[in-house]
PDB file of all heavy atoms in Angstrom:
ATOM      1  N   THR A   1     -56.508  51.142 121.612  1.00  0.00           N
ATOM      2  CA  THR A   1     -55.104  51.506 121.430  1.00  0.00           C
ATOM      3  C   THR A   1     -54.673  52.439 122.548  1.00  0.00           C
ATOM      4  O   THR A   1     -55.476  52.861 123.370  1.00  0.00           O
ATOM      5  CB  THR A   1     -54.919  52.194 120.073  1.00  0.00           C
ATOM      6  OG1 THR A   1     -55.756  53.334 120.026  1.00  0.00           O
ATOM      7  CG2 THR A   1     -55.255  51.254 118.941  1.00  0.00           C
ATOM      8  N   ARG A   2     -53.410  52.790 122.532  1.00  0.00           N
ATOM      9  CA  ARG A   2     -52.881  53.647 123.578  1.00  0.00           C
ATOM     10  C   ARG A   2     -53.356  55.074 123.418  1.00  0.00           C
ATOM     11  O   ARG A   2     -53.698  55.513 122.332  1.00  0.00           O
ATOM     12  CB  ARG A   2     -51.350  53.607 123.554  1.00  0.00           C
ATOM     13  CG  ARG A   2     -50.805  52.238 123.890  1.00  0.00           C
ATOM     14  CD  ARG A   2     -49.305  52.185 123.784  1.00  0.00           C
ATOM     15  NE  ARG A   2     -48.721  53.300 124.510  1.00  0.00           N
ATOM     16  CZ  ARG A   2     -47.698  53.990 124.051  1.00  0.00           C
ATOM     17  NH1 ARG A   2     -47.176  53.686 122.890  1.00  0.00           N
ATOM     18  NH2 ARG A   2     -47.215  54.989 124.743  1.00  0.00           N
ATOM     19  N   ALA A   3     -53.359  55.808 124.518  1.00  0.00           N
ATOM     20  CA  ALA A   3     -53.838  57.190 124.501  1.00  0.00           C
ATOM     21  C   ALA A   3     -52.923  58.061 123.663  1.00  0.00           C
ATOM     22  O   ALA A   3     -51.733  57.794 123.507  1.00  0.00           O
ATOM     23  CB  ALA A   3     -53.893  57.736 125.925  1.00  0.00           C
ATOM     24  N   LYS A   4     -53.541  59.071 123.083  1.00  0.00           N
ATOM     25  CA  LYS A   4     -52.803  59.993 122.237  1.00  0.00           C
ATOM     26  C   LYS A   4     -51.842  60.825 123.076  1.00  0.00           C
ATOM     27  O   LYS A   4     -52.212  61.368 124.109  1.00  0.00           O
ATOM     28  CB  LYS A   4     -53.793  60.913 121.522  1.00  0.00           C
ATOM     29  CG  LYS A   4     -53.128  61.929 120.593  1.00  0.00           C
ATOM     30  CD  LYS A   4     -54.179  62.793 119.949  1.00  0.00           C
ATOM     31  CE  LYS A   4     -53.549  63.831 119.036  1.00  0.00           C
ATOM     32  NZ  LYS A   4     -54.559  64.688 118.411  1.00  0.00           N
ATOM     33  N   ARG A   5     -50.606  60.898 122.635  1.00  0.00           N
ATOM     34  CA  ARG A   5     -49.639  61.714 123.342  1.00  0.00           C
ATOM     35  C   ARG A   5     -49.564  63.089 122.656  1.00  0.00           C
ATOM     36  O   ARG A   5     -49.810  63.211 121.469  1.00  0.00           O
ATOM     37  CB  ARG A   5     -48.253  61.054 123.357  1.00  0.00           C
ATOM     38  CG  ARG A   5     -47.568  61.026 122.015  1.00  0.00           C
ATOM     39  CD  ARG A   5     -46.216  60.348 122.131  1.00  0.00           C
ATOM     40  NE  ARG A   5     -46.401  58.932 122.374  1.00  0.00           N
ATOM     41  CZ  ARG A   5     -45.402  58.130 122.703  1.00  0.00           C
ATOM     42  NH1 ARG A   5     -44.203  58.614 122.877  1.00  0.00           N
ATOM     43  NH2 ARG A   5     -45.629  56.847 122.890  1.00  0.00           N
ATOM     44  N   PRO A   6     -49.207  64.117 123.425  1.00  0.00           N
ATOM     45  CA  PRO A   6     -49.146  65.449 122.814  1.00  0.00           C
ATOM     46  C   PRO A   6     -48.037  65.527 121.785  1.00  0.00           C
ATOM     47  O   PRO A   6     -46.938  65.016 121.972  1.00  0.00           O
ATOM     48  CB  PRO A   6     -48.849  66.372 124.013  1.00  0.00           C
ATOM     49  CG  PRO A   6     -48.232  65.473 125.042  1.00  0.00           C
ATOM     50  CD  PRO A   6     -48.867  64.131 124.837  1.00  0.00           C
ATOM     51  N   ALA A   7     -48.345  66.162 120.672  1.00  0.00           N
ATOM     52  CA  ALA A   7     -47.354  66.330 119.601  1.00  0.00           C
ATOM     53  C   ALA A   7     -46.396  67.441 119.979  1.00  0.00           C
ATOM     54  O   ALA A   7     -46.732  68.336 120.743  1.00  0.00           O
ATOM     55  CB  ALA A   7     -48.073  66.673 118.298  1.00  0.00           C
ATOM     56  N   PRO A   8     -45.183  67.404 119.460  1.00  0.00           N
ATOM     57  CA  PRO A   8     -44.229  68.483 119.751  1.00  0.00           C
ATOM     58  C   PRO A   8     -44.704  69.786 119.150  1.00  0.00           C
ATOM     59  O   PRO A   8     -45.473  69.807 118.192  1.00  0.00           O
ATOM     60  CB  PRO A   8     -42.942  67.991 119.087  1.00  0.00           C
ATOM     61  CG  PRO A   8     -43.394  67.030 118.022  1.00  0.00           C
ATOM     62  CD  PRO A   8     -44.630  66.384 118.549  1.00  0.00           C
ATOM     63  N   GLU A   9     -44.231  70.877 119.724  1.00  0.00           N
ATOM     64  CA  GLU A   9     -44.653  72.192 119.247  1.00  0.00           C
ATOM     65  C   GLU A   9     -44.291  72.371 117.778  1.00  0.00           C
ATOM     66  O   GLU A   9     -45.074  72.858 116.981  1.00  0.00           O
ATOM     67  CB  GLU A   9     -43.981  73.275 120.092  1.00  0.00           C
ATOM     68  CG  GLU A   9     -44.446  73.241 121.539  1.00  0.00           C
ATOM     69  CD  GLU A   9     -43.734  74.295 122.358  1.00  0.00           C
ATOM     70  OE1 GLU A   9     -42.936  75.054 121.789  1.00  0.00           O
ATOM     71  OE2 GLU A   9     -43.990  74.361 123.558  1.00  0.00           O
ATOM     72  N   SER A  10     -43.101  71.970 117.432  1.00  0.00           N
ATOM     73  CA  SER A  10     -42.666  72.075 116.038  1.00  0.00           C
ATOM     74  C   SER A  10     -41.456  71.189 115.858  1.00  0.00           C
ATOM     75  O   SER A  10     -40.518  71.243 116.636  1.00  0.00           O
ATOM     76  CB  SER A  10     -42.318  73.532 115.698  1.00  0.00           C
ATOM     77  OG  SER A  10     -41.712  73.573 114.426  1.00  0.00           O
ATOM     78  N   PRO A  11     -41.477  70.326 114.818  1.00  0.00           N
ATOM     79  CA  PRO A  11     -40.329  69.437 114.648  1.00  0.00           C
ATOM     80  C   PRO A  11     -39.044  70.176 114.334  1.00  0.00           C
ATOM     81  O   PRO A  11     -37.966  69.654 114.525  1.00  0.00           O
ATOM     82  CB  PRO A  11     -40.748  68.537 113.485  1.00  0.00           C
ATOM     83  CG  PRO A  11     -41.810  69.300 112.763  1.00  0.00           C
ATOM     84  CD  PRO A  11     -42.494  70.121 113.780  1.00  0.00           C
ATOM     85  N   THR A  12     -39.173  71.413 113.876  1.00  0.00           N
ATOM     86  CA  THR A  12     -37.962  72.161 113.527  1.00  0.00           C
ATOM     87  C   THR A  12     -37.651  73.255 114.529  1.00  0.00           C
ATOM     88  O   THR A  12     -36.706  74.003 114.351  1.00  0.00           O
ATOM     89  CB  THR A  12     -38.133  72.809 112.138  1.00  0.00           C
ATOM     90  OG1 THR A  12     -39.270  73.679 112.162  1.00  0.00           O
ATOM     91  CG2 THR A  12     -38.320  71.751 111.070  1.00  0.00           C
ATOM     92  N   ALA A  13     -38.504  73.370 115.584  1.00  0.00           N
ATOM     93  CA  ALA A  13     -38.292  74.429 116.576  1.00  0.00           C
ATOM     94  C   ALA A  13     -37.005  74.172 117.348  1.00  0.00           C
ATOM     95  O   ALA A  13     -36.681  73.034 117.652  1.00  0.00           O
ATOM     96  CB  ALA A  13     -39.474  74.488 117.552  1.00  0.00           C
ATOM     97  N   PRO A  14     -36.248  75.215 117.680  1.00  0.00           N
ATOM     98  CA  PRO A  14     -34.997  75.026 118.435  1.00  0.00           C
ATOM     99  C   PRO A  14     -35.292  74.514 119.833  1.00  0.00           C
ATOM    100  O   PRO A  14     -36.265  74.929 120.465  1.00  0.00           O
ATOM    101  CB  PRO A  14     -34.392  76.441 118.479  1.00  0.00           C
ATOM    102  CG  PRO A  14     -35.543  77.359 118.273  1.00  0.00           C
ATOM    103  CD  PRO A  14     -36.495  76.640 117.369  1.00  0.00           C
ATOM    104  N   LEU A  15     -34.467  73.607 120.308  1.00  0.00           N
ATOM    105  CA  LEU A  15     -34.659  73.021 121.636  1.00  0.00           C
ATOM    106  C   LEU A  15     -33.930  73.857 122.677  1.00  0.00           C
ATOM    107  O   LEU A  15     -32.815  74.303 122.472  1.00  0.00           O
ATOM    108  CB  LEU A  15     -34.114  71.585 121.658  1.00  0.00           C
ATOM    109  CG  LEU A  15     -34.855  70.594 120.753  1.00  0.00           C
ATOM    110  CD1 LEU A  15     -34.110  69.275 120.729  1.00  0.00           C
ATOM    111  CD2 LEU A  15     -36.281  70.386 121.245  1.00  0.00           C
ATOM    112  N   SER A  16     -34.591  74.017 123.828  1.00  0.00           N
ATOM    113  CA  SER A  16     -33.978  74.759 124.920  1.00  0.00           C
ATOM    114  C   SER A  16     -32.989  73.873 125.655  1.00  0.00           C
ATOM    115  O   SER A  16     -33.019  72.654 125.530  1.00  0.00           O
ATOM    116  CB  SER A  16     -35.053  75.247 125.901  1.00  0.00           C
ATOM    117  OG  SER A  16     -35.672  74.141 126.520  1.00  0.00           O
ATOM    118  N   SER A  17     -32.132  74.512 126.487  1.00  0.00           N
ATOM    119  CA  SER A  17     -31.173  73.738 127.279  1.00  0.00           C
ATOM    120  C   SER A  17     -31.901  72.854 128.271  1.00  0.00           C
ATOM    121  O   SER A  17     -31.460  71.763 128.596  1.00  0.00           O
ATOM    122  CB  SER A  17     -30.234  74.695 128.021  1.00  0.00           C
ATOM    123  OG  SER A  17     -30.974  75.557 128.861  1.00  0.00           O
ATOM    124  N   ALA A  18     -33.076  73.320 128.757  1.00  0.00           N
ATOM    125  CA  ALA A  18     -33.836  72.508 129.716  1.00  0.00           C
ATOM    126  C   ALA A  18     -34.335  71.221 129.076  1.00  0.00           C
ATOM    127  O   ALA A  18     -34.326  70.157 129.675  1.00  0.00           O
ATOM    128  CB  ALA A  18     -35.016  73.322 130.252  1.00  0.00           C
ATOM    129  N   SER A  19     -34.779  71.326 127.789  1.00  0.00           N
ATOM    130  CA  SER A  19     -35.289  70.126 127.126  1.00  0.00           C
ATOM    131  C   SER A  19     -34.174  69.134 126.832  1.00  0.00           C
ATOM    132  O   SER A  19     -34.380  67.932 126.851  1.00  0.00           O
ATOM    133  CB  SER A  19     -35.996  70.522 125.825  1.00  0.00           C
ATOM    134  OG  SER A  19     -35.063  71.083 124.911  1.00  0.00           O
ATOM    135  N   LEU A  20     -32.983  69.638 126.540  1.00  0.00           N
ATOM    136  CA  LEU A  20     -31.872  68.734 126.268  1.00  0.00           C
ATOM    137  C   LEU A  20     -31.424  68.000 127.518  1.00  0.00           C
ATOM    138  O   LEU A  20     -30.935  66.888 127.448  1.00  0.00           O
ATOM    139  CB  LEU A  20     -30.686  69.541 125.708  1.00  0.00           C
ATOM    140  CG  LEU A  20     -30.879  70.112 124.304  1.00  0.00           C
ATOM    141  CD1 LEU A  20     -29.707  70.994 123.940  1.00  0.00           C
ATOM    142  CD2 LEU A  20     -31.054  68.990 123.283  1.00  0.00           C
ATOM    143  N   LEU A  21     -31.607  68.645 128.690  1.00  0.00           N
ATOM    144  CA  LEU A  21     -31.194  68.017 129.941  1.00  0.00           C
ATOM    145  C   LEU A  21     -32.298  67.189 130.569  1.00  0.00           C
ATOM    146  O   LEU A  21     -32.075  66.474 131.531  1.00  0.00           O
ATOM    147  CB  LEU A  21     -30.756  69.093 130.949  1.00  0.00           C
ATOM    148  CG  LEU A  21     -29.516  69.892 130.545  1.00  0.00           C
ATOM    149  CD1 LEU A  21     -29.260  70.996 131.551  1.00  0.00           C
ATOM    150  CD2 LEU A  21     -28.301  68.980 130.445  1.00  0.00           C
ATOM    151  N   SER A  22     -33.530  67.297 130.052  1.00  0.00           N
ATOM    152  CA  SER A  22     -34.661  66.582 130.639  1.00  0.00           C
ATOM    153  C   SER A  22     -34.585  65.100 130.308  1.00  0.00           C
ATOM    154  O   SER A  22     -34.023  64.713 129.297  1.00  0.00           O
ATOM    155  CB  SER A  22     -35.981  67.161 130.115  1.00  0.00           C
ATOM    156  OG  SER A  22     -36.042  66.985 128.723  1.00  0.00           O
ATOM    157  N   PRO A  23     -35.145  64.229 131.170  1.00  0.00           N
ATOM    158  CA  PRO A  23     -35.118  62.792 130.911  1.00  0.00           C
ATOM    159  C   PRO A  23     -36.035  62.433 129.749  1.00  0.00           C
ATOM    160  O   PRO A  23     -36.907  63.221 129.362  1.00  0.00           O
ATOM    161  CB  PRO A  23     -35.633  62.208 132.232  1.00  0.00           C
ATOM    162  CG  PRO A  23     -36.462  63.289 132.819  1.00  0.00           C
ATOM    163  CD  PRO A  23     -35.817  64.562 132.420  1.00  0.00           C
ATOM    164  N   PRO A  24     -35.865  61.250 129.154  1.00  0.00           N
ATOM    165  CA  PRO A  24     -36.738  60.839 128.043  1.00  0.00           C
ATOM    166  C   PRO A  24     -38.197  60.851 128.445  1.00  0.00           C
ATOM    167  O   PRO A  24     -38.550  60.540 129.578  1.00  0.00           O
ATOM    168  CB  PRO A  24     -36.255  59.406 127.739  1.00  0.00           C
ATOM    169  CG  PRO A  24     -34.867  59.346 128.285  1.00  0.00           C
ATOM    170  CD  PRO A  24     -34.850  60.257 129.466  1.00  0.00           C
ATOM    171  N   ALA A  25     -39.070  61.211 127.477  1.00  0.00           N
ATOM    172  CA  ALA A  25     -40.503  61.259 127.752  1.00  0.00           C
ATOM    173  C   ALA A  25     -41.041  59.861 127.999  1.00  0.00           C
ATOM    174  O   ALA A  25     -40.622  58.890 127.401  1.00  0.00           O
ATOM    175  CB  ALA A  25     -41.229  61.895 126.567  1.00  0.00           C
ATOM    176  N   LYS A  26     -41.969  59.762 128.944  1.00  0.00           N
ATOM    177  CA  LYS A  26     -42.578  58.480 129.286  1.00  0.00           C
ATOM    178  C   LYS A  26     -44.038  58.471 128.867  1.00  0.00           C
ATOM    179  O   LYS A  26     -44.562  59.428 128.322  1.00  0.00           O
ATOM    180  CB  LYS A  26     -42.445  58.230 130.787  1.00  0.00           C
ATOM    181  CG  LYS A  26     -40.979  58.132 131.234  1.00  0.00           C
ATOM    182  CD  LYS A  26     -40.895  57.797 132.708  1.00  0.00           C
ATOM    183  CE  LYS A  26     -39.442  57.649 133.157  1.00  0.00           C
ATOM    184  NZ  LYS A  26     -39.339  57.323 134.577  1.00  0.00           N
ATOM    185  N   ARG A  27     -44.706  57.352 129.144  1.00  0.00           N
ATOM    186  CA  ARG A  27     -46.123  57.230 128.796  1.00  0.00           C
ATOM    187  C   ARG A  27     -46.932  58.303 129.496  1.00  0.00           C
ATOM    188  O   ARG A  27     -46.636  58.718 130.611  1.00  0.00           O
ATOM    189  CB  ARG A  27     -46.644  55.855 129.202  1.00  0.00           C
ATOM    190  CG  ARG A  27     -45.948  54.727 128.462  1.00  0.00           C
ATOM    191  CD  ARG A  27     -46.499  53.391 128.865  1.00  0.00           C
ATOM    192  NE  ARG A  27     -47.903  53.274 128.519  1.00  0.00           N
ATOM    193  CZ  ARG A  27     -48.649  52.194 128.780  1.00  0.00           C
ATOM    194  NH1 ARG A  27     -48.094  51.148 129.370  1.00  0.00           N
ATOM    195  NH2 ARG A  27     -49.907  52.160 128.449  1.00  0.00           N
ATOM    196  N   ALA A  28     -48.013  58.718 128.836  1.00  0.00           N
ATOM    197  CA  ALA A  28     -48.835  59.780 129.393  1.00  0.00           C
ATOM    198  C   ALA A  28     -49.465  59.332 130.695  1.00  0.00           C
ATOM    199  O   ALA A  28     -49.913  58.212 130.835  1.00  0.00           O
ATOM    200  CB  ALA A  28     -49.936  60.168 128.403  1.00  0.00           C
ATOM    201  N   LYS A  29     -49.479  60.229 131.678  1.00  0.00           N
ATOM    202  CA  LYS A  29     -50.080  59.954 132.982  1.00  0.00           C
ATOM    203  C   LYS A  29     -51.115  61.012 133.264  1.00  0.00           C
ATOM    204  O   LYS A  29     -51.161  62.057 132.627  1.00  0.00           O
ATOM    205  CB  LYS A  29     -49.000  59.987 134.066  1.00  0.00           C
ATOM    206  CG  LYS A  29     -47.979  58.862 133.914  1.00  0.00           C
ATOM    207  CD  LYS A  29     -46.979  58.927 135.059  1.00  0.00           C
ATOM    208  CE  LYS A  29     -45.960  57.789 134.955  1.00  0.00           C
ATOM    209  NZ  LYS A  29     -44.980  57.842 136.055  1.00  0.00           N
ATOM    210  N   PRO A  30     -51.994  60.746 134.257  1.00  0.00           N
ATOM    211  CA  PRO A  30     -52.968  61.771 134.631  1.00  0.00           C
ATOM    212  C   PRO A  30     -52.268  63.058 135.005  1.00  0.00           C
ATOM    213  O   PRO A  30     -51.179  63.050 135.579  1.00  0.00           O
ATOM    214  CB  PRO A  30     -53.680  61.141 135.847  1.00  0.00           C
ATOM    215  CG  PRO A  30     -53.457  59.680 135.696  1.00  0.00           C
ATOM    216  CD  PRO A  30     -52.149  59.519 135.028  1.00  0.00           C
ATOM    217  N   GLU A  31     -52.883  64.166 134.649  1.00  0.00           N
ATOM    218  CA  GLU A  31     -52.305  65.478 134.911  1.00  0.00           C
ATOM    219  C   GLU A  31     -52.119  65.674 136.403  1.00  0.00           C
ATOM    220  O   GLU A  31     -53.062  65.566 137.178  1.00  0.00           O
ATOM    221  CB  GLU A  31     -53.252  66.557 134.367  1.00  0.00           C
ATOM    222  CG  GLU A  31     -52.701  67.966 134.497  1.00  0.00           C
ATOM    223  CD  GLU A  31     -51.521  68.188 133.574  1.00  0.00           C
ATOM    224  OE1 GLU A  31     -51.374  67.419 132.599  1.00  0.00           O
ATOM    225  OE2 GLU A  31     -50.756  69.126 133.826  1.00  0.00           O
ATOM    226  N   PRO A  32     -50.890  65.915 136.881  1.00  0.00           N
ATOM    227  CA  PRO A  32     -50.683  66.087 138.315  1.00  0.00           C
ATOM    228  C   PRO A  32     -51.278  67.405 138.797  1.00  0.00           C
ATOM    229  O   PRO A  32     -51.459  68.348 138.022  1.00  0.00           O
ATOM    230  CB  PRO A  32     -49.163  66.094 138.447  1.00  0.00           C
ATOM    231  CG  PRO A  32     -48.679  66.575 137.123  1.00  0.00           C
ATOM    232  CD  PRO A  32     -49.659  66.051 136.113  1.00  0.00           C
ATOM    233  N   SER A  33     -51.549  67.440 140.100  1.00  0.00           N
ATOM    234  CA  SER A  33     -52.086  68.659 140.686  1.00  0.00           C
ATOM    235  C   SER A  33     -50.996  69.713 140.735  1.00  0.00           C
ATOM    236  O   SER A  33     -49.816  69.430 140.573  1.00  0.00           O
ATOM    237  CB  SER A  33     -52.592  68.379 142.106  1.00  0.00           C
ATOM    238  OG  SER A  33     -51.509  67.992 142.931  1.00  0.00           O
ATOM    239  N   SER A  34     -51.392  70.956 141.004  1.00  0.00           N
ATOM    240  CA  SER A  34     -50.413  72.048 141.041  1.00  0.00           C
ATOM    241  C   SER A  34     -49.395  71.845 142.138  1.00  0.00           C
ATOM    242  O   SER A  34     -48.215  72.167 141.983  1.00  0.00           O
ATOM    243  CB  SER A  34     -51.135  73.378 141.231  1.00  0.00           C
ATOM    244  OG  SER A  34     -51.888  73.362 142.440  1.00  0.00           O
ATOM    245  N   SER A  35     -49.837  71.292 143.293  1.00  0.00           N
ATOM    246  CA  SER A  35     -48.888  71.068 144.387  1.00  0.00           C
ATOM    247  C   SER A  35     -47.859  70.020 144.010  1.00  0.00           C
ATOM    248  O   SER A  35     -46.678  70.125 144.343  1.00  0.00           O
ATOM    249  CB  SER A  35     -49.638  70.633 145.651  1.00  0.00           C
ATOM    250  OG  SER A  35     -50.333  69.415 145.411  1.00  0.00           O
ATOM    251  N   ASN A  36     -48.311  68.973 143.263  1.00  0.00           N
ATOM    252  CA  ASN A  36     -47.363  67.950 142.836  1.00  0.00           C
ATOM    253  C   ASN A  36     -46.359  68.502 141.841  1.00  0.00           C
ATOM    254  O   ASN A  36     -45.209  68.090 141.796  1.00  0.00           O
ATOM    255  CB  ASN A  36     -48.102  66.762 142.211  1.00  0.00           C
ATOM    256  CG  ASN A  36     -48.840  65.954 143.255  1.00  0.00           C
ATOM    257  OD1 ASN A  36     -48.469  65.989 144.426  1.00  0.00           O
ATOM    258  ND2 ASN A  36     -49.863  65.240 142.841  1.00  0.00           N
ATOM    259  N   LYS A  37     -46.822  69.431 140.985  1.00  0.00           N
ATOM    260  CA  LYS A  37     -45.912  70.039 140.020  1.00  0.00           C
ATOM    261  C   LYS A  37     -44.781  70.766 140.742  1.00  0.00           C
ATOM    262  O   LYS A  37     -43.622  70.706 140.349  1.00  0.00           O
ATOM    263  CB  LYS A  37     -46.673  71.031 139.127  1.00  0.00           C
ATOM    264  CG  LYS A  37     -47.571  70.358 138.097  1.00  0.00           C
ATOM    265  CD  LYS A  37     -48.252  71.418 137.256  1.00  0.00           C
ATOM    266  CE  LYS A  37     -49.154  70.788 136.194  1.00  0.00           C
ATOM    267  NZ  LYS A  37     -49.847  71.815 135.405  1.00  0.00           N
ATOM    268  N   VAL A  38     -45.141  71.476 141.825  1.00  0.00           N
ATOM    269  CA  VAL A  38     -44.134  72.203 142.580  1.00  0.00           C
ATOM    270  C   VAL A  38     -43.139  71.234 143.196  1.00  0.00           C
ATOM    271  O   VAL A  38     -41.930  71.431 143.172  1.00  0.00           O
ATOM    272  CB  VAL A  38     -44.798  73.062 143.673  1.00  0.00           C
ATOM    273  CG1 VAL A  38     -43.738  73.695 144.566  1.00  0.00           C
ATOM    274  CG2 VAL A  38     -45.676  74.126 143.048  1.00  0.00           C
ATOM    275  N   GLU A  39     -43.658  70.124 143.755  1.00  0.00           N
ATOM    276  CA  GLU A  39     -42.786  69.134 144.377  1.00  0.00           C
ATOM    277  C   GLU A  39     -41.848  68.513 143.360  1.00  0.00           C
ATOM    278  O   GLU A  39     -40.675  68.267 143.640  1.00  0.00           O
ATOM    279  CB  GLU A  39     -43.631  68.058 145.058  1.00  0.00           C
ATOM    280  CG  GLU A  39     -44.400  68.582 146.268  1.00  0.00           C
ATOM    281  CD  GLU A  39     -45.292  67.517 146.862  1.00  0.00           C
ATOM    282  OE1 GLU A  39     -45.207  66.361 146.404  1.00  0.00           O
ATOM    283  OE2 GLU A  39     -46.069  67.832 147.767  1.00  0.00           O
ATOM    284  N   ASN A  40     -42.373  68.233 142.149  1.00  0.00           N
ATOM    285  CA  ASN A  40     -41.530  67.634 141.128  1.00  0.00           C
ATOM    286  C   ASN A  40     -40.452  68.597 140.656  1.00  0.00           C
ATOM    287  O   ASN A  40     -39.353  68.192 140.290  1.00  0.00           O
ATOM    288  CB  ASN A  40     -42.380  67.197 139.928  1.00  0.00           C
ATOM    289  CG  ASN A  40     -43.303  66.050 140.298  1.00  0.00           C
ATOM    290  OD1 ASN A  40     -43.022  65.311 141.234  1.00  0.00           O
ATOM    291  ND2 ASN A  40     -44.403  65.916 139.577  1.00  0.00           N
ATOM    292  N   ALA A  41     -40.782  69.896 140.653  1.00  0.00           N
ATOM    293  CA  ALA A  41     -39.806  70.884 140.205  1.00  0.00           C
ATOM    294  C   ALA A  41     -38.654  71.012 141.196  1.00  0.00           C
ATOM    295  O   ALA A  41     -37.523  71.272 140.826  1.00  0.00           O
ATOM    296  CB  ALA A  41     -40.480  72.248 140.014  1.00  0.00           C
ATOM    297  N   LEU A  42     -38.956  70.822 142.493  1.00  0.00           N
ATOM    298  CA  LEU A  42     -37.916  70.922 143.511  1.00  0.00           C
ATOM    299  C   LEU A  42     -37.304  69.545 143.714  1.00  0.00           C
ATOM    300  O   LEU A  42     -37.696  68.800 144.587  1.00  0.00           O
ATOM    301  CB  LEU A  42     -38.517  71.447 144.827  1.00  0.00           C
ATOM    302  CG  LEU A  42     -39.228  72.794 144.739  1.00  0.00           C
ATOM    303  CD1 LEU A  42     -39.903  73.125 146.052  1.00  0.00           C
ATOM    304  CD2 LEU A  42     -38.245  73.883 144.365  1.00  0.00           C
TER     305      LEU A  42
END
């Protein structure tokens, strides 16, 4: 079957403005390196 995706922190937890503006979650991918994280943030 497909790999387990991380569960949300809390189904009732308030959502931040960043999460509301973020694109829909996609299939789990290998954890990117720290340099890639910086590139994705910019």
